[in-house]
PDB file of N, CA and C in Angstrom:
ATOM      1  N   MET A   1      58.108 191.010 -33.491  1.00  0.00           N
ATOM      2  CA  MET A   1      57.603 189.682 -33.204  1.00  0.00           C
ATOM      3  C   MET A   1      57.901 189.274 -31.766  1.00  0.00           C
ATOM      4  N   VAL A   2      59.078 189.656 -31.262  1.00  0.00           N
ATOM      5  CA  VAL A   2      59.434 189.317 -29.889  1.00  0.00           C
ATOM      6  C   VAL A   2      58.473 189.991 -28.917  1.00  0.00           C
ATOM      7  N   GLY A   3      58.104 191.244 -29.204  1.00  0.00           N
ATOM      8  CA  GLY A   3      57.168 191.964 -28.346  1.00  0.00           C
ATOM      9  C   GLY A   3      55.815 191.276 -28.275  1.00  0.00           C
ATOM     10  N   MET A   4      55.354 190.731 -29.374  1.00  0.00           N
ATOM     11  CA  MET A   4      54.074 190.037 -29.415  1.00  0.00           C
ATOM     12  C   MET A   4      54.115 188.763 -28.575  1.00  0.00           C
ATOM     13  N   LYS A   5      55.221 188.021 -28.602  1.00  0.00           N
ATOM     14  CA  LYS A   5      55.357 186.816 -27.797  1.00  0.00           C
ATOM     15  C   LYS A   5      55.297 187.165 -26.317  1.00  0.00           C
ATOM     16  N   ASN A   6      55.996 188.247 -25.931  1.00  0.00           N
ATOM     17  CA  ASN A   6      55.981 188.674 -24.533  1.00  0.00           C
ATOM     18  C   ASN A   6      54.582 189.098 -24.107  1.00  0.00           C
ATOM     19  N   PHE A   7      53.892 189.830 -24.983  1.00  0.00           N
ATOM     20  CA  PHE A   7      52.526 190.261 -24.673  1.00  0.00           C
ATOM     21  C   PHE A   7      51.624 189.045 -24.468  1.00  0.00           C
ATOM     22  N   SER A   8      51.740 188.059 -25.347  1.00  0.00           N
ATOM     23  CA  SER A   8      50.917 186.854 -25.233  1.00  0.00           C
ATOM     24  C   SER A   8      51.223 186.111 -23.943  1.00  0.00           C
ATOM     25  N   ARG A   9      52.495 186.024 -23.586  1.00  0.00           N
ATOM     26  CA  ARG A   9      52.893 185.328 -22.363  1.00  0.00           C
ATOM     27  C   ARG A   9      52.331 186.056 -21.140  1.00  0.00           C
ATOM     28  N   VAL A  10      52.432 187.393 -21.128  1.00  0.00           N
ATOM     29  CA  VAL A  10      51.907 188.175 -20.004  1.00  0.00           C
ATOM     30  C   VAL A  10      50.395 188.015 -19.907  1.00  0.00           C
ATOM     31  N   ALA A  11      49.714 188.056 -21.038  1.00  0.00           N
ATOM     32  CA  ALA A  11      48.258 187.891 -21.044  1.00  0.00           C
ATOM     33  C   ALA A  11      47.864 186.506 -20.530  1.00  0.00           C
ATOM     34  N   LEU A  12      48.613 185.489 -20.928  1.00  0.00           N
ATOM     35  CA  LEU A  12      48.333 184.137 -20.480  1.00  0.00           C
ATOM     36  C   LEU A  12      48.538 184.005 -18.976  1.00  0.00           C
ATOM     37  N   ILE A  13      49.620 184.548 -18.470  1.00  0.00           N
ATOM     38  CA  ILE A  13      49.912 184.491 -17.033  1.00  0.00           C
ATOM     39  C   ILE A  13      48.858 185.261 -16.248  1.00  0.00           C
ATOM     40  N   ALA A  14      48.474 186.438 -16.721  1.00  0.00           N
ATOM     41  CA  ALA A  14      47.461 187.242 -16.037  1.00  0.00           C
ATOM     42  C   ALA A  14      46.119 186.509 -16.019  1.00  0.00           C
ATOM     43  N   GLY A  15      45.763 185.888 -17.123  1.00  0.00           N
ATOM     44  CA  GLY A  15      44.510 185.144 -17.188  1.00  0.00           C
ATOM     45  C   GLY A  15      44.509 183.956 -16.236  1.00  0.00           C
ATOM     46  N   ALA A  16      45.633 183.265 -16.156  1.00  0.00           N
ATOM     47  CA  ALA A  16      45.740 182.122 -15.245  1.00  0.00           C
ATOM     48  C   ALA A  16      45.647 182.581 -13.795  1.00  0.00           C
ATOM     49  N   ALA A  17      46.279 183.699 -13.481  1.00  0.00           N
ATOM     50  CA  ALA A  17      46.226 184.225 -12.113  1.00  0.00           C
ATOM     51  C   ALA A  17      44.798 184.601 -11.742  1.00  0.00           C
ATOM     52  N   LEU A  18      44.078 185.196 -12.660  1.00  0.00           N
ATOM     53  CA  LEU A  18      42.682 185.560 -12.408  1.00  0.00           C
ATOM     54  C   LEU A  18      41.835 184.316 -12.174  1.00  0.00           C
ATOM     55  N   ALA A  19      42.041 183.308 -12.981  1.00  0.00           N
ATOM     56  CA  ALA A  19      41.255 182.080 -12.855  1.00  0.00           C
ATOM     57  C   ALA A  19      41.493 181.406 -11.507  1.00  0.00           C
ATOM     58  N   VAL A  20      42.718 181.461 -11.008  1.00  0.00           N
ATOM     59  CA  VAL A  20      43.045 180.826  -9.739  1.00  0.00           C
ATOM     60  C   VAL A  20      42.516 181.635  -8.568  1.00  0.00           C
ATOM     61  N   SER A  21      42.605 182.965  -8.644  1.00  0.00           N
ATOM     62  CA  SER A  21      42.235 183.800  -7.503  1.00  0.00           C
ATOM     63  C   SER A  21      40.751 184.129  -7.430  1.00  0.00           C
ATOM     64  N   ALA A  22      40.051 184.112  -8.552  1.00  0.00           N
ATOM     65  CA  ALA A  22      38.632 184.486  -8.551  1.00  0.00           C
ATOM     66  C   ALA A  22      37.794 183.335  -8.022  1.00  0.00           C
ATOM     67  N   PRO A  23      36.879 183.611  -7.087  1.00  0.00           N
ATOM     68  CA  PRO A  23      36.014 182.548  -6.586  1.00  0.00           C
ATOM     69  C   PRO A  23      35.035 182.106  -7.657  1.00  0.00           C
ATOM     70  N   ALA A  24      34.831 180.834  -7.762  1.00  0.00           N
ATOM     71  CA  ALA A  24      33.905 180.286  -8.752  1.00  0.00           C
ATOM     72  C   ALA A  24      32.565 180.027  -8.080  1.00  0.00           C
ATOM     73  N   ALA A  25      31.923 181.084  -7.634  1.00  0.00           N
ATOM     74  CA  ALA A  25      30.679 180.960  -6.865  1.00  0.00           C
ATOM     75  C   ALA A  25      29.611 180.194  -7.632  1.00  0.00           C
ATOM     76  N   SER A  26      29.438 180.497  -8.896  1.00  0.00           N
ATOM     77  CA  SER A  26      28.377 179.836  -9.643  1.00  0.00           C
ATOM     78  C   SER A  26      28.670 178.352  -9.849  1.00  0.00           C
ATOM     79  N   ALA A  27      29.935 177.991  -9.892  1.00  0.00           N
ATOM     80  CA  ALA A  27      30.286 176.587 -10.062  1.00  0.00           C
ATOM     81  C   ALA A  27      30.143 175.818  -8.756  1.00  0.00           C
ATOM     82  N   GLN A  28      30.178 176.513  -7.619  1.00  0.00           N
ATOM     83  CA  GLN A  28      30.149 175.835  -6.335  1.00  0.00           C
ATOM     84  C   GLN A  28      28.809 175.934  -5.620  1.00  0.00           C
ATOM     85  N   THR A  29      27.916 176.785  -6.068  1.00  0.00           N
ATOM     86  CA  THR A  29      26.606 176.884  -5.431  1.00  0.00           C
ATOM     87  C   THR A  29      25.518 176.492  -6.422  1.00  0.00           C
ATOM     88  N   ARG A  30      24.454 175.938  -5.879  1.00  0.00           N
ATOM     89  CA  ARG A  30      23.316 175.524  -6.694  1.00  0.00           C
ATOM     90  C   ARG A  30      22.035 175.848  -5.947  1.00  0.00           C
ATOM     91  N   GLU A  31      20.948 175.921  -6.681  1.00  0.00           N
ATOM     92  CA  GLU A  31      19.636 176.131  -6.074  1.00  0.00           C
ATOM     93  C   GLU A  31      18.746 174.956  -6.444  1.00  0.00           C
ATOM     94  N   TYR A  32      18.098 174.404  -5.451  1.00  0.00           N
ATOM     95  CA  TYR A  32      17.161 173.299  -5.642  1.00  0.00           C
ATOM     96  C   TYR A  32      15.817 173.713  -5.076  1.00  0.00           C
ATOM     97  N   GLU A  33      14.745 173.275  -5.733  1.00  0.00           N
ATOM     98  CA  GLU A  33      13.392 173.561  -5.257  1.00  0.00           C
ATOM     99  C   GLU A  33      12.542 172.324  -5.464  1.00  0.00           C
ATOM    100  N   GLY A  34      11.839 171.931  -4.418  1.00  0.00           N
ATOM    101  CA  GLY A  34      11.006 170.755  -4.571  1.00  0.00           C
ATOM    102  C   GLY A  34      10.406 170.282  -3.266  1.00  0.00           C
ATOM    103  N   THR A  35      10.352 168.959  -3.143  1.00  0.00           N
ATOM    104  CA  THR A  35       9.698 168.303  -2.018  1.00  0.00           C
ATOM    105  C   THR A  35      10.733 167.617  -1.139  1.00  0.00           C
ATOM    106  N   VAL A  36      10.572 167.765   0.175  1.00  0.00           N
ATOM    107  CA  VAL A  36      11.445 167.070   1.123  1.00  0.00           C
ATOM    108  C   VAL A  36      11.031 165.598   1.140  1.00  0.00           C
ATOM    109  N   VAL A  37      11.981 164.703   0.856  1.00  0.00           N
ATOM    110  CA  VAL A  37      11.657 163.274   0.801  1.00  0.00           C
ATOM    111  C   VAL A  37      12.205 162.505   2.000  1.00  0.00           C
ATOM    112  N   SER A  38      13.142 163.097   2.745  1.00  0.00           N
ATOM    113  CA  SER A  38      13.608 162.473   3.983  1.00  0.00           C
ATOM    114  C   SER A  38      14.279 163.521   4.860  1.00  0.00           C
ATOM    115  N   VAL A  39      14.239 163.271   6.167  1.00  0.00           N
ATOM    116  CA  VAL A  39      14.888 164.137   7.146  1.00  0.00           C
ATOM    117  C   VAL A  39      15.590 163.241   8.155  1.00  0.00           C
ATOM    118  N   ASN A  40      16.866 163.496   8.404  1.00  0.00           N
ATOM    119  CA  ASN A  40      17.615 162.745   9.413  1.00  0.00           C
ATOM    120  C   ASN A  40      18.042 163.740  10.485  1.00  0.00           C
ATOM    121  N   ARG A  41      17.310 163.779  11.578  1.00  0.00           N
ATOM    122  CA  ARG A  41      17.577 164.755  12.644  1.00  0.00           C
ATOM    123  C   ARG A  41      18.953 164.539  13.281  1.00  0.00           C
ATOM    124  N   ALA A  42      19.351 163.284  13.483  1.00  0.00           N
ATOM    125  CA  ALA A  42      20.636 162.992  14.129  1.00  0.00           C
ATOM    126  C   ALA A  42      21.818 163.478  13.289  1.00  0.00           C
ATOM    127  N   GLU A  43      21.716 163.325  11.965  1.00  0.00           N
ATOM    128  CA  GLU A  43      22.803 163.738  11.065  1.00  0.00           C
ATOM    129  C   GLU A  43      22.643 165.179  10.580  1.00  0.00           C
ATOM    130  N   ARG A  44      21.504 165.791  10.919  1.00  0.00           N
ATOM    131  CA  ARG A  44      21.177 167.153  10.475  1.00  0.00           C
ATOM    132  C   ARG A  44      21.217 167.263   8.944  1.00  0.00           C
ATOM    133  N   THR A  45      20.569 166.291   8.295  1.00  0.00           N
ATOM    134  CA  THR A  45      20.493 166.276   6.839  1.00  0.00           C
ATOM    135  C   THR A  45      19.042 166.109   6.403  1.00  0.00           C
ATOM    136  N   PHE A  46      18.785 166.515   5.185  1.00  0.00           N
ATOM    137  CA  PHE A  46      17.501 166.246   4.556  1.00  0.00           C
ATOM    138  C   PHE A  46      17.745 166.011   3.073  1.00  0.00           C
ATOM    139  N   SER A  47      16.834 165.304   2.444  1.00  0.00           N
ATOM    140  CA  SER A  47      16.898 165.089   1.007  1.00  0.00           C
ATOM    141  C   SER A  47      15.739 165.813   0.370  1.00  0.00           C
ATOM    142  N   ILE A  48      16.035 166.444  -0.764  1.00  0.00           N
ATOM    143  CA  ILE A  48      15.023 167.204  -1.482  1.00  0.00           C
ATOM    144  C   ILE A  48      14.991 166.706  -2.925  1.00  0.00           C
ATOM    145  N   ARG A  49      13.772 166.481  -3.436  1.00  0.00           N
ATOM    146  CA  ARG A  49      13.606 166.047  -4.822  1.00  0.00           C
ATOM    147  C   ARG A  49      13.182 167.238  -5.663  1.00  0.00           C
ATOM    148  N   ASP A  50      14.044 167.595  -6.586  1.00  0.00           N
ATOM    149  CA  ASP A  50      13.794 168.689  -7.526  1.00  0.00           C
ATOM    150  C   ASP A  50      13.422 168.046  -8.855  1.00  0.00           C
ATOM    151  N   SER A  51      12.294 168.434  -9.422  1.00  0.00           N
ATOM    152  CA  SER A  51      11.822 167.803 -10.656  1.00  0.00           C
ATOM    153  C   SER A  51      12.783 168.004 -11.828  1.00  0.00           C
ATOM    154  N   GLU A  52      13.583 169.070 -11.801  1.00  0.00           N
ATOM    155  CA  GLU A  52      14.518 169.347 -12.886  1.00  0.00           C
ATOM    156  C   GLU A  52      15.904 168.768 -12.639  1.00  0.00           C
ATOM    157  N   ARG A  53      16.299 168.652 -11.376  1.00  0.00           N
ATOM    158  CA  ARG A  53      17.681 168.287 -11.066  1.00  0.00           C
ATOM    159  C   ARG A  53      17.838 166.986 -10.287  1.00  0.00           C
ATOM    160  N   GLY A  54      16.750 166.354  -9.924  1.00  0.00           N
ATOM    161  CA  GLY A  54      16.843 165.100  -9.190  1.00  0.00           C
ATOM    162  C   GLY A  54      16.855 165.301  -7.685  1.00  0.00           C
ATOM    163  N   THR A  55      17.266 164.267  -6.960  1.00  0.00           N
ATOM    164  CA  THR A  55      17.258 164.277  -5.497  1.00  0.00           C
ATOM    165  C   THR A  55      18.674 164.420  -4.970  1.00  0.00           C
ATOM    166  N   ILE A  56      18.847 165.312  -3.987  1.00  0.00           N
ATOM    167  CA  ILE A  56      20.152 165.456  -3.342  1.00  0.00           C
ATOM    168  C   ILE A  56      19.973 165.428  -1.829  1.00  0.00           C
ATOM    169  N   ARG A  57      21.039 165.069  -1.165  1.00  0.00           N
ATOM    170  CA  ARG A  57      21.078 165.091   0.296  1.00  0.00           C
ATOM    171  C   ARG A  57      21.830 166.345   0.720  1.00  0.00           C
ATOM    172  N   VAL A  58      21.251 167.089   1.653  1.00  0.00           N
ATOM    173  CA  VAL A  58      21.783 168.388   2.073  1.00  0.00           C
ATOM    174  C   VAL A  58      22.030 168.378   3.571  1.00  0.00           C
ATOM    175  N   ARG A  59      23.167 168.888   3.976  1.00  0.00           N
ATOM    176  CA  ARG A  59      23.494 168.991   5.405  1.00  0.00           C
ATOM    177  C   ARG A  59      23.221 170.416   5.874  1.00  0.00           C
ATOM    178  N   VAL A  60      22.597 170.540   7.030  1.00  0.00           N
ATOM    179  CA  VAL A  60      22.292 171.834   7.641  1.00  0.00           C
ATOM    180  C   VAL A  60      23.362 172.115   8.697  1.00  0.00           C
ATOM    181  N   THR A  61      23.863 173.345   8.728  1.00  0.00           N
ATOM    182  CA  THR A  61      24.866 173.740   9.716  1.00  0.00           C
ATOM    183  C   THR A  61      24.320 174.859  10.589  1.00  0.00           C
ATOM    184  N   ASN A  62      25.117 175.288  11.541  1.00  0.00           N
ATOM    185  CA  ASN A  62      24.725 176.425  12.389  1.00  0.00           C
ATOM    186  C   ASN A  62      24.630 177.720  11.590  1.00  0.00           C
ATOM    187  N   ARG A  63      25.264 177.759  10.437  1.00  0.00           N
ATOM    188  CA  ARG A  63      25.260 178.970   9.609  1.00  0.00           C
ATOM    189  C   ARG A  63      24.119 179.002   8.596  1.00  0.00           C
ATOM    190  N   THR A  64      23.370 177.912   8.478  1.00  0.00           N
ATOM    191  CA  THR A  64      22.257 177.861   7.531  1.00  0.00           C
ATOM    192  C   THR A  64      21.180 178.873   7.939  1.00  0.00           C
ATOM    193  N   ARG A  65      20.728 179.680   6.970  1.00  0.00           N
ATOM    194  CA  ARG A  65      19.649 180.635   7.210  1.00  0.00           C
ATOM    195  C   ARG A  65      18.322 179.993   6.798  1.00  0.00           C
ATOM    196  N   PHE A  66      17.307 180.191   7.609  1.00  0.00           N
ATOM    197  CA  PHE A  66      15.964 179.683   7.312  1.00  0.00           C
ATOM    198  C   PHE A  66      15.022 180.863   7.156  1.00  0.00           C
ATOM    199  N   GLU A  67      14.171 180.812   6.123  1.00  0.00           N
ATOM    200  CA  GLU A  67      13.158 181.838   5.898  1.00  0.00           C
ATOM    201  C   GLU A  67      11.807 181.159   5.686  1.00  0.00           C
ATOM    202  N   ARG A  68      10.801 181.630   6.374  1.00  0.00           N
ATOM    203  CA  ARG A  68       9.443 181.095   6.294  1.00  0.00           C
ATOM    204  C   ARG A  68       9.377 179.617   6.676  1.00  0.00           C
ATOM    205  N   ILE A  69      10.382 179.155   7.441  1.00  0.00           N
ATOM    206  CA  ILE A  69      10.413 177.810   8.022  1.00  0.00           C
ATOM    207  C   ILE A  69      10.996 177.989   9.419  1.00  0.00           C
ATOM    208  N   SER A  70      10.443 177.294  10.384  1.00  0.00           N
ATOM    209  CA  SER A  70      10.921 177.459  11.768  1.00  0.00           C
ATOM    210  C   SER A  70      12.160 176.600  12.034  1.00  0.00           C
ATOM    211  N   GLY A  71      13.222 176.871  11.298  1.00  0.00           N
ATOM    212  CA  GLY A  71      14.483 176.167  11.495  1.00  0.00           C
ATOM    213  C   GLY A  71      14.444 174.742  10.976  1.00  0.00           C
ATOM    214  N   PHE A  72      15.498 173.996  11.301  1.00  0.00           N
ATOM    215  CA  PHE A  72      15.603 172.614  10.836  1.00  0.00           C
ATOM    216  C   PHE A  72      14.424 171.775  11.323  1.00  0.00           C
ATOM    217  N   SER A  73      13.952 172.051  12.531  1.00  0.00           N
ATOM    218  CA  SER A  73      12.817 171.291  13.069  1.00  0.00           C
ATOM    219  C   SER A  73      11.539 171.513  12.259  1.00  0.00           C
ATOM    220  N   GLY A  74      11.485 172.589  11.482  1.00  0.00           N
ATOM    221  CA  GLY A  74      10.331 172.874  10.648  1.00  0.00           C
ATOM    222  C   GLY A  74      10.299 172.088   9.346  1.00  0.00           C
ATOM    223  N   LEU A  75      11.391 171.420   9.004  1.00  0.00           N
ATOM    224  CA  LEU A  75      11.419 170.604   7.783  1.00  0.00           C
ATOM    225  C   LEU A  75      10.759 169.260   8.052  1.00  0.00           C
ATOM    226  N   LYS A  76       9.775 168.928   7.271  1.00  0.00           N
ATOM    227  CA  LYS A  76       9.031 167.672   7.422  1.00  0.00           C
ATOM    228  C   LYS A  76       8.997 166.935   6.085  1.00  0.00           C
ATOM    229  N   VAL A  77       9.022 165.616   6.146  1.00  0.00           N
ATOM    230  CA  VAL A  77       8.871 164.806   4.933  1.00  0.00           C
ATOM    231  C   VAL A  77       7.541 165.156   4.286  1.00  0.00           C
ATOM    232  N   GLY A  78       7.582 165.379   2.982  1.00  0.00           N
ATOM    233  CA  GLY A  78       6.376 165.731   2.242  1.00  0.00           C
ATOM    234  C   GLY A  78       6.188 167.228   2.069  1.00  0.00           C
ATOM    235  N   ALA A  79       6.988 168.043   2.777  1.00  0.00           N
ATOM    236  CA  ALA A  79       6.868 169.499   2.623  1.00  0.00           C
ATOM    237  C   ALA A  79       7.203 169.876   1.186  1.00  0.00           C
ATOM    238  N   THR A  80       6.328 170.656   0.570  1.00  0.00           N
ATOM    239  CA  THR A  80       6.524 171.061  -0.827  1.00  0.00           C
ATOM    240  C   THR A  80       6.937 172.523  -0.888  1.00  0.00           C
ATOM    241  N   ASN A  81       7.368 172.925  -2.073  1.00  0.00           N
ATOM    242  CA  ASN A  81       7.805 174.298  -2.326  1.00  0.00           C
ATOM    243  C   ASN A  81       8.942 174.713  -1.397  1.00  0.00           C
ATOM    244  N   ILE A  82       9.842 173.786  -1.134  1.00  0.00           N
ATOM    245  CA  ILE A  82      11.014 174.090  -0.324  1.00  0.00           C
ATOM    246  C   ILE A  82      12.145 174.427  -1.283  1.00  0.00           C
ATOM    247  N   GLU A  83      12.798 175.520  -1.029  1.00  0.00           N
ATOM    248  CA  GLU A  83      13.885 176.004  -1.868  1.00  0.00           C
ATOM    249  C   GLU A  83      15.151 176.041  -1.020  1.00  0.00           C
ATOM    250  N   THR A  84      16.245 175.549  -1.555  1.00  0.00           N
ATOM    251  CA  THR A  84      17.497 175.612  -0.821  1.00  0.00           C
ATOM    252  C   THR A  84      18.634 176.021  -1.739  1.00  0.00           C
ATOM    253  N   ILE A  85      19.490 176.852  -1.221  1.00  0.00           N
ATOM    254  CA  ILE A  85      20.726 177.219  -1.902  1.00  0.00           C
ATOM    255  C   ILE A  85      21.822 176.458  -1.174  1.00  0.00           C
ATOM    256  N   VAL A  86      22.585 175.681  -1.943  1.00  0.00           N
ATOM    257  CA  VAL A  86      23.596 174.828  -1.350  1.00  0.00           C
ATOM    258  C   VAL A  86      24.958 175.124  -1.958  1.00  0.00           C
ATOM    259  N   ARG A  87      25.999 174.773  -1.198  1.00  0.00           N
ATOM    260  CA  ARG A  87      27.359 174.880  -1.726  1.00  0.00           C
ATOM    261  C   ARG A  87      28.070 173.569  -1.454  1.00  0.00           C
ATOM    262  N   ARG A  88      29.013 173.247  -2.298  1.00  0.00           N
ATOM    263  CA  ARG A  88      29.770 171.998  -2.185  1.00  0.00           C
ATOM    264  C   ARG A  88      30.944 172.214  -1.242  1.00  0.00           C
ATOM    265  N   SER A  89      31.116 171.333  -0.268  1.00  0.00           N
ATOM    266  CA  SER A  89      32.234 171.395   0.665  1.00  0.00           C
ATOM    267  C   SER A  89      32.615 169.979   1.079  1.00  0.00           C
ATOM    268  N   ASN A  90      33.842 169.605   0.812  1.00  0.00           N
ATOM    269  CA  ASN A  90      34.345 168.269   1.159  1.00  0.00           C
ATOM    270  C   ASN A  90      33.425 167.149   0.659  1.00  0.00           C
ATOM    271  N   GLY A  91      32.934 167.308  -0.554  1.00  0.00           N
ATOM    272  CA  GLY A  91      32.106 166.270  -1.157  1.00  0.00           C
ATOM    273  C   GLY A  91      30.654 166.246  -0.707  1.00  0.00           C
ATOM    274  N   ARG A  92      30.256 167.203   0.133  1.00  0.00           N
ATOM    275  CA  ARG A  92      28.869 167.268   0.620  1.00  0.00           C
ATOM    276  C   ARG A  92      28.222 168.551   0.152  1.00  0.00           C
ATOM    277  N   TRP A  93      26.887 168.524   0.065  1.00  0.00           N
ATOM    278  CA  TRP A  93      26.125 169.738  -0.182  1.00  0.00           C
ATOM    279  C   TRP A  93      25.736 170.317   1.165  1.00  0.00           C
ATOM    280  N   LEU A  94      26.147 171.547   1.431  1.00  0.00           N
ATOM    281  CA  LEU A  94      25.795 172.238   2.671  1.00  0.00           C
ATOM    282  C   LEU A  94      24.763 173.310   2.360  1.00  0.00           C
ATOM    283  N   ALA A  95      23.730 173.395   3.184  1.00  0.00           N
ATOM    284  CA  ALA A  95      22.680 174.388   2.975  1.00  0.00           C
ATOM    285  C   ALA A  95      23.163 175.761   3.420  1.00  0.00           C
ATOM    286  N   VAL A  96      23.143 176.704   2.507  1.00  0.00           N
ATOM    287  CA  VAL A  96      23.418 178.107   2.825  1.00  0.00           C
ATOM    288  C   VAL A  96      22.115 178.737   3.308  1.00  0.00           C
ATOM    289  N   GLU A  97      21.029 178.406   2.598  1.00  0.00           N
ATOM    290  CA  GLU A  97      19.707 178.948   2.925  1.00  0.00           C
ATOM    291  C   GLU A  97      18.638 177.918   2.592  1.00  0.00           C
ATOM    292  N   VAL A  98      17.605 177.860   3.421  1.00  0.00           N
ATOM    293  CA  VAL A  98      16.451 176.996   3.184  1.00  0.00           C
ATOM    294  C   VAL A  98      15.215 177.855   3.414  1.00  0.00           C
ATOM    295  N   GLU A  99      14.273 177.819   2.472  1.00  0.00           N
ATOM    296  CA  GLU A  99      13.053 178.614   2.645  1.00  0.00           C
ATOM    297  C   GLU A  99      11.867 177.954   1.968  1.00  0.00           C
ATOM    298  N   ARG A 100      10.688 178.319   2.438  1.00  0.00           N
ATOM    299  CA  ARG A 100       9.458 177.918   1.747  1.00  0.00           C
ATOM    300  C   ARG A 100       9.238 178.950   0.661  1.00  0.00           C
ATOM    301  N   SER A 101       9.109 178.478  -0.573  1.00  0.00           N
ATOM    302  CA  SER A 101       8.960 179.401  -1.699  1.00  0.00           C
ATOM    303  C   SER A 101       7.505 179.490  -2.120  1.00  0.00           C
ATOM    304  N   GLY A 102       7.301 180.327  -3.115  1.00  0.00           N
ATOM    305  CA  GLY A 102       5.974 180.473  -3.678  1.00  0.00           C
ATOM    306  C   GLY A 102       5.671 179.389  -4.689  1.00  0.00           C
ATOM    307  N   GLY A 103       6.652 178.507  -4.954  1.00  0.00           N
ATOM    308  CA  GLY A 103       6.443 177.419  -5.912  1.00  0.00           C
ATOM    309  C   GLY A 103       6.786 177.837  -7.310  1.00  0.00           C
ATOM    310  N   GLY A 104       6.423 177.041  -8.250  1.00  0.00           N
ATOM    311  CA  GLY A 104       6.643 177.338  -9.660  1.00  0.00           C
ATOM    312  C   GLY A 104       7.801 176.574 -10.261  1.00  0.00           C
ATOM    313  N   GLY A 105       8.793 176.191  -9.453  1.00  0.00           N
ATOM    314  CA  GLY A 105       9.903 175.393  -9.954  1.00  0.00           C
ATOM    315  C   GLY A 105      10.731 176.063 -11.020  1.00  0.00           C
ATOM    316  N   LYS A 106      10.839 177.379 -10.996  1.00  0.00           N
ATOM    317  CA  LYS A 106      11.549 178.115 -12.039  1.00  0.00           C
ATOM    318  C   LYS A 106      13.006 178.382 -11.699  1.00  0.00           C
ATOM    319  N   HIS A 107      13.452 178.044 -10.512  1.00  0.00           N
ATOM    320  CA  HIS A 107      14.843 178.269 -10.095  1.00  0.00           C
ATOM    321  C   HIS A 107      15.258 179.716 -10.292  1.00  0.00           C
ATOM    322  N   GLY A 108      14.430 180.615  -9.823  1.00  0.00           N
ATOM    323  CA  GLY A 108      14.763 182.028  -9.898  1.00  0.00           C
ATOM    324  C   GLY A 108      14.456 182.670 -11.226  1.00  0.00           C
ATOM    325  N   GLY A 109      13.845 181.940 -12.143  1.00  0.00           N
ATOM    326  CA  GLY A 109      13.544 182.486 -13.458  1.00  0.00           C
ATOM    327  C   GLY A 109      12.428 183.515 -13.397  1.00  0.00           C
ATOM    328  N   ASP A 110      12.339 184.356 -14.401  1.00  0.00           N
ATOM    329  CA  ASP A 110      11.335 185.410 -14.455  1.00  0.00           C
ATOM    330  C   ASP A 110      10.351 185.100 -15.579  1.00  0.00           C
ATOM    331  N   ASP A 111       9.078 185.167 -15.285  1.00  0.00           N
ATOM    332  CA  ASP A 111       8.058 184.856 -16.277  1.00  0.00           C
ATOM    333  C   ASP A 111       7.768 186.004 -17.225  1.00  0.00           C
ATOM    334  N   ASP A 112       8.291 187.186 -16.954  1.00  0.00           N
ATOM    335  CA  ASP A 112       7.999 188.354 -17.792  1.00  0.00           C
ATOM    336  C   ASP A 112       8.655 188.278 -19.142  1.00  0.00           C
TER     337      ASP A 112
END
C-alpha cells in the first residue's frame, strides 16, 4: 500500500510539472475569419467581425506575417475573407498572421 501511495504522488507531481512546462498553444492562439470593420493606423490595430466568434480588436506588430495582403496598409474597412491567427499577450490580441482567404468561414475545417 505504501508503494502505491508513492507511485500516485510521483505521478501527480510529474503531471503537474508537465502542465506547467508545456506551452498551451491552443489555449493562447485563435483563428478569426471575417470582415474588417475598423482600422486604426496610428495604433496599428484593426477590428475583424467573425460571424461565429464575434468582433475582436487585433494589434499588428513588426513580427506579423501578411499573405495575399500588402501589409498593414493593405487592410481596408469592408475587406472580406480576411483571416487572422492571433495570440493573447498582456490582455491584447496580437496578430501572428493576417491573410486574404478563400472564404467559407470554416476556420480551417475540411469539407471532405
